[in-house]
C-alpha atoms as a PDB file:
ATOM      1  CA  MET A   1      16.404 -82.693   6.047  1.00  0.00           C
ATOM      2  CA  GLU A   2      13.286 -84.649   6.925  1.00  0.00           C
ATOM      3  CA  SER A   3      11.234 -82.507   4.539  1.00  0.00           C
ATOM      4  CA  HIS A   4      13.633 -83.410   1.710  1.00  0.00           C
ATOM      5  CA  ARG A   5      13.274 -87.080   2.522  1.00  0.00           C
ATOM      6  CA  LYS A   6       9.481 -86.867   2.517  1.00  0.00           C
ATOM      7  CA  LEU A   7       9.513 -84.962  -0.778  1.00  0.00           C
ATOM      8  CA  SER A   8      11.821 -87.569  -2.273  1.00  0.00           C
ATOM      9  CA  SER A   9       9.506 -90.358  -1.102  1.00  0.00           C
ATOM     10  CA  ALA A  10       6.469 -88.608  -2.562  1.00  0.00           C
ATOM     11  CA  LEU A  11       8.244 -88.113  -5.876  1.00  0.00           C
ATOM     12  CA  HIS A  12       9.220 -91.791  -5.965  1.00  0.00           C
ATOM     13  CA  ALA A  13       5.612 -92.823  -5.357  1.00  0.00           C
ATOM     14  CA  ALA A  14       4.432 -90.458  -8.110  1.00  0.00           C
ATOM     15  CA  LEU A  15       7.073 -91.678 -10.553  1.00  0.00           C
ATOM     16  CA  GLY A  16       6.094 -95.265  -9.773  1.00  0.00           C
ATOM     17  CA  VAL A  17       2.467 -94.488 -10.617  1.00  0.00           C
ATOM     18  CA  ILE A  18       3.537 -92.818 -13.872  1.00  0.00           C
ATOM     19  CA  HIS A  19       5.632 -95.865 -14.755  1.00  0.00           C
ATOM     20  CA  VAL A  20       2.714 -98.225 -14.092  1.00  0.00           C
ATOM     21  CA  VAL A  21       0.418 -96.169 -16.334  1.00  0.00           C
ATOM     22  CA  MET A  22       3.067 -96.123 -19.068  1.00  0.00           C
ATOM     23  CA  LEU A  23       3.593 -99.881 -18.748  1.00  0.00           C
ATOM     24  CA  LEU A  24      -0.135-100.537 -19.040  1.00  0.00           C
ATOM     25  CA  GLY A  25      -0.284 -98.365 -22.159  1.00  0.00           C
ATOM     26  CA  MET A  26       2.690-100.158 -23.681  1.00  0.00           C
ATOM     27  CA  TYR A  27       1.179-103.530 -22.817  1.00  0.00           C
ATOM     28  CA  VAL A  28      -2.106-102.637 -24.519  1.00  0.00           C
ATOM     29  CA  PHE A  29      -0.203-101.363 -27.565  1.00  0.00           C
ATOM     30  CA  ALA A  30       1.978-104.489 -27.718  1.00  0.00           C
ATOM     31  CA  SER A  31      -0.993-106.824 -27.345  1.00  0.00           C
ATOM     32  CA  GLN A  32      -2.799-105.018 -30.149  1.00  0.00           C
ATOM     33  CA  LEU A  33       0.314-105.197 -32.296  1.00  0.00           C
ATOM     34  CA  PHE A  34       0.746-108.904 -31.617  1.00  0.00           C
ATOM     35  CA  GLY A  35      -2.931-109.389 -32.474  1.00  0.00           C
ATOM     36  CA  LEU A  36      -2.241-108.173 -35.993  1.00  0.00           C
ATOM     37  CA  PHE A  37       0.216-111.026 -36.473  1.00  0.00           C
ATOM     38  CA  SER A  38      -1.969-113.781 -35.097  1.00  0.00           C
ATOM     39  CA  ASP A  39      -1.248-116.159 -37.971  1.00  0.00           C
ATOM     40  CA  GLY A  40       1.971-117.349 -36.336  1.00  0.00           C
ATOM     41  CA  GLU A  41       4.458-114.816 -37.634  1.00  0.00           C
ATOM     42  CA  ILE A  42       5.560-113.889 -34.110  1.00  0.00           C
ATOM     43  CA  PRO A  43       6.931-116.803 -32.111  1.00  0.00           C
ATOM     44  CA  ALA A  44       5.154-117.680 -28.889  1.00  0.00           C
ATOM     45  CA  LEU A  45       8.431-117.477 -26.996  1.00  0.00           C
ATOM     46  CA  PHE A  46       8.789-113.799 -27.920  1.00  0.00           C
ATOM     47  CA  THR A  47       5.292-112.941 -26.698  1.00  0.00           C
ATOM     48  CA  GLN A  48       5.975-114.813 -23.451  1.00  0.00           C
ATOM     49  CA  PHE A  49       9.230-112.875 -23.032  1.00  0.00           C
ATOM     50  CA  VAL A  50       7.418-109.566 -23.523  1.00  0.00           C
ATOM     51  CA  GLY A  51       4.716-110.605 -21.042  1.00  0.00           C
ATOM     52  CA  ALA A  52       7.335-111.601 -18.471  1.00  0.00           C
ATOM     53  CA  PHE A  53       9.089-108.251 -18.984  1.00  0.00           C
ATOM     54  CA  PHE A  54       5.871-106.338 -18.313  1.00  0.00           C
ATOM     55  CA  ILE A  55       5.138-108.369 -15.193  1.00  0.00           C
ATOM     56  CA  LEU A  56       8.670-107.907 -13.836  1.00  0.00           C
ATOM     57  CA  ALA A  57       8.685-104.179 -14.597  1.00  0.00           C
ATOM     58  CA  SER A  58       5.268-103.807 -12.936  1.00  0.00           C
ATOM     59  CA  VAL A  59       6.544-105.518  -9.785  1.00  0.00           C
ATOM     60  CA  PHE A  60       9.449-103.066  -9.575  1.00  0.00           C
ATOM     61  CA  CYS A  61       7.106-100.115 -10.134  1.00  0.00           C
ATOM     62  CA  LEU A  62       4.714-101.332  -7.452  1.00  0.00           C
ATOM     63  CA  ALA A  63       7.646-101.785  -5.070  1.00  0.00           C
ATOM     64  CA  GLN A  64       8.675 -98.186  -5.778  1.00  0.00           C
ATOM     65  CA  ILE A  65       5.146 -96.990  -5.004  1.00  0.00           C
ATOM     66  CA  ILE A  66       4.997 -98.962  -1.743  1.00  0.00           C
ATOM     67  CA  ILE A  67       8.438 -97.774  -0.651  1.00  0.00           C
ATOM     68  CA  GLY A  68       7.528 -94.186  -1.546  1.00  0.00           C
ATOM     69  CA  PHE A  69       4.404 -94.270   0.592  1.00  0.00           C
ATOM     70  CA  ALA A  70       6.296 -95.980   3.424  1.00  0.00           C
ATOM     71  CA  GLY A  71       8.844 -93.163   3.281  1.00  0.00           C
ATOM     72  CA  LEU A  72       6.028 -90.653   3.541  1.00  0.00           C
ATOM     73  CA  ALA A  73       4.809 -92.478   6.635  1.00  0.00           C
ATOM     74  CA  GLY A  74       8.286 -92.216   8.147  1.00  0.00           C
ATOM     75  CA  GLN A  75       9.119 -95.910   8.277  1.00  0.00           C
ATOM     76  CA  PRO A  76      12.752 -96.456   9.344  1.00  0.00           C
ATOM     77  CA  TRP A  77      13.386 -99.434   6.994  1.00  0.00           C
ATOM     78  CA  VAL A  78      12.778 -97.355   3.873  1.00  0.00           C
ATOM     79  CA  ARG A  79      16.267 -95.857   3.592  1.00  0.00           C
ATOM     80  CA  ILE A  80      18.131 -98.830   2.081  1.00  0.00           C
ATOM     81  CA  PRO A  81      15.509 -99.858  -0.529  1.00  0.00           C
ATOM     82  CA  LEU A  82      15.033 -96.228  -1.558  1.00  0.00           C
ATOM     83  CA  LEU A  83      18.777 -95.779  -1.985  1.00  0.00           C
ATOM     84  CA  MET A  84      18.867 -98.909  -4.158  1.00  0.00           C
ATOM     85  CA  ILE A  85      16.024 -97.585  -6.318  1.00  0.00           C
ATOM     86  CA  ALA A  86      17.743 -94.197  -6.548  1.00  0.00           C
ATOM     87  CA  ALA A  87      20.971 -95.836  -7.710  1.00  0.00           C
ATOM     88  CA  PHE A  88      19.107 -97.496 -10.585  1.00  0.00           C
ATOM     89  CA  GLU A  89      17.127 -94.363 -11.409  1.00  0.00           C
ATOM     90  CA  VAL A  90      20.275 -92.319 -11.959  1.00  0.00           C
ATOM     91  CA  PHE A  91      20.520 -94.028 -15.368  1.00  0.00           C
ATOM     92  CA  GLN A  92      16.978 -92.978 -16.422  1.00  0.00           C
ATOM     93  CA  PHE A  93      17.761 -89.643 -18.023  1.00  0.00           C
ATOM     94  CA  PRO A  94      16.471 -86.900 -17.405  1.00  0.00           C
ATOM     95  CA  PHE A  95      13.828 -87.287 -14.671  1.00  0.00           C
ATOM     96  CA  GLY A  96      15.246 -90.414 -13.072  1.00  0.00           C
ATOM     97  CA  THR A  97      18.688 -88.818 -12.964  1.00  0.00           C
ATOM     98  CA  ALA A  98      17.388 -85.750 -11.167  1.00  0.00           C
ATOM     99  CA  LEU A  99      15.241 -87.755  -8.738  1.00  0.00           C
ATOM    100  CA  GLY A 100      17.974 -90.312  -8.118  1.00  0.00           C
ATOM    101  CA  ALA A 101      20.569 -87.630  -7.386  1.00  0.00           C
ATOM    102  CA  TYR A 102      18.130 -85.765  -5.132  1.00  0.00           C
ATOM    103  CA  THR A 103      17.288 -88.947  -3.234  1.00  0.00           C
ATOM    104  CA  LEU A 104      20.939 -89.867  -2.813  1.00  0.00           C
ATOM    105  CA  TRP A 105      21.651 -86.373  -1.511  1.00  0.00           C
ATOM    106  CA  ALA A 106      18.648 -86.349   0.844  1.00  0.00           C
ATOM    107  CA  TYR A 107      19.273 -89.786   2.347  1.00  0.00           C
ATOM    108  CA  LEU A 108      23.082 -89.823   2.436  1.00  0.00           C
ATOM    109  CA  SER A 109      23.685 -86.370   3.892  1.00  0.00           C
ATOM    110  CA  GLU A 110      23.610 -86.127   7.655  1.00  0.00           C
ATOM    111  CA  ASP A 111      21.291 -83.835   9.564  1.00  0.00           C
ATOM    112  CA  LYS A 112      23.041 -80.801  11.009  1.00  0.00           C
ATOM    113  CA  GLN A 113      20.957 -81.057  14.183  1.00  0.00           C
ATOM    114  CA  GLN A 114      21.974 -84.672  14.803  1.00  0.00           C
ATOM    115  CA  THR A 115      25.711 -83.975  14.499  1.00  0.00           C
ATOM    116  CA  GLN A 116      25.696 -81.055  16.980  1.00  0.00           C
END
């Protein structure tokens, strides 16, 4: 079961990196789009909201990367945060659903060797 947990952690770290790259691409696209409307057509509050969204989403992605690498290192505290991330990822169809379900299965099922 430990190999499943390490694979799940590695996949979470990889998905976190993919999310960060996608967020950076979306941020560049949004900033270019907002640059086209620089004559005041887009309210400043909206651009601040979008910037805050990108910062908040980046923090969650970086936390997923850190927790994924900590799981690879075998840290004991990683179980609860990874289960919380997996519960949220179940709603990200299709890849998040598969990874979330796999993580929930890997971390919630008991080892056969420990129960004997």
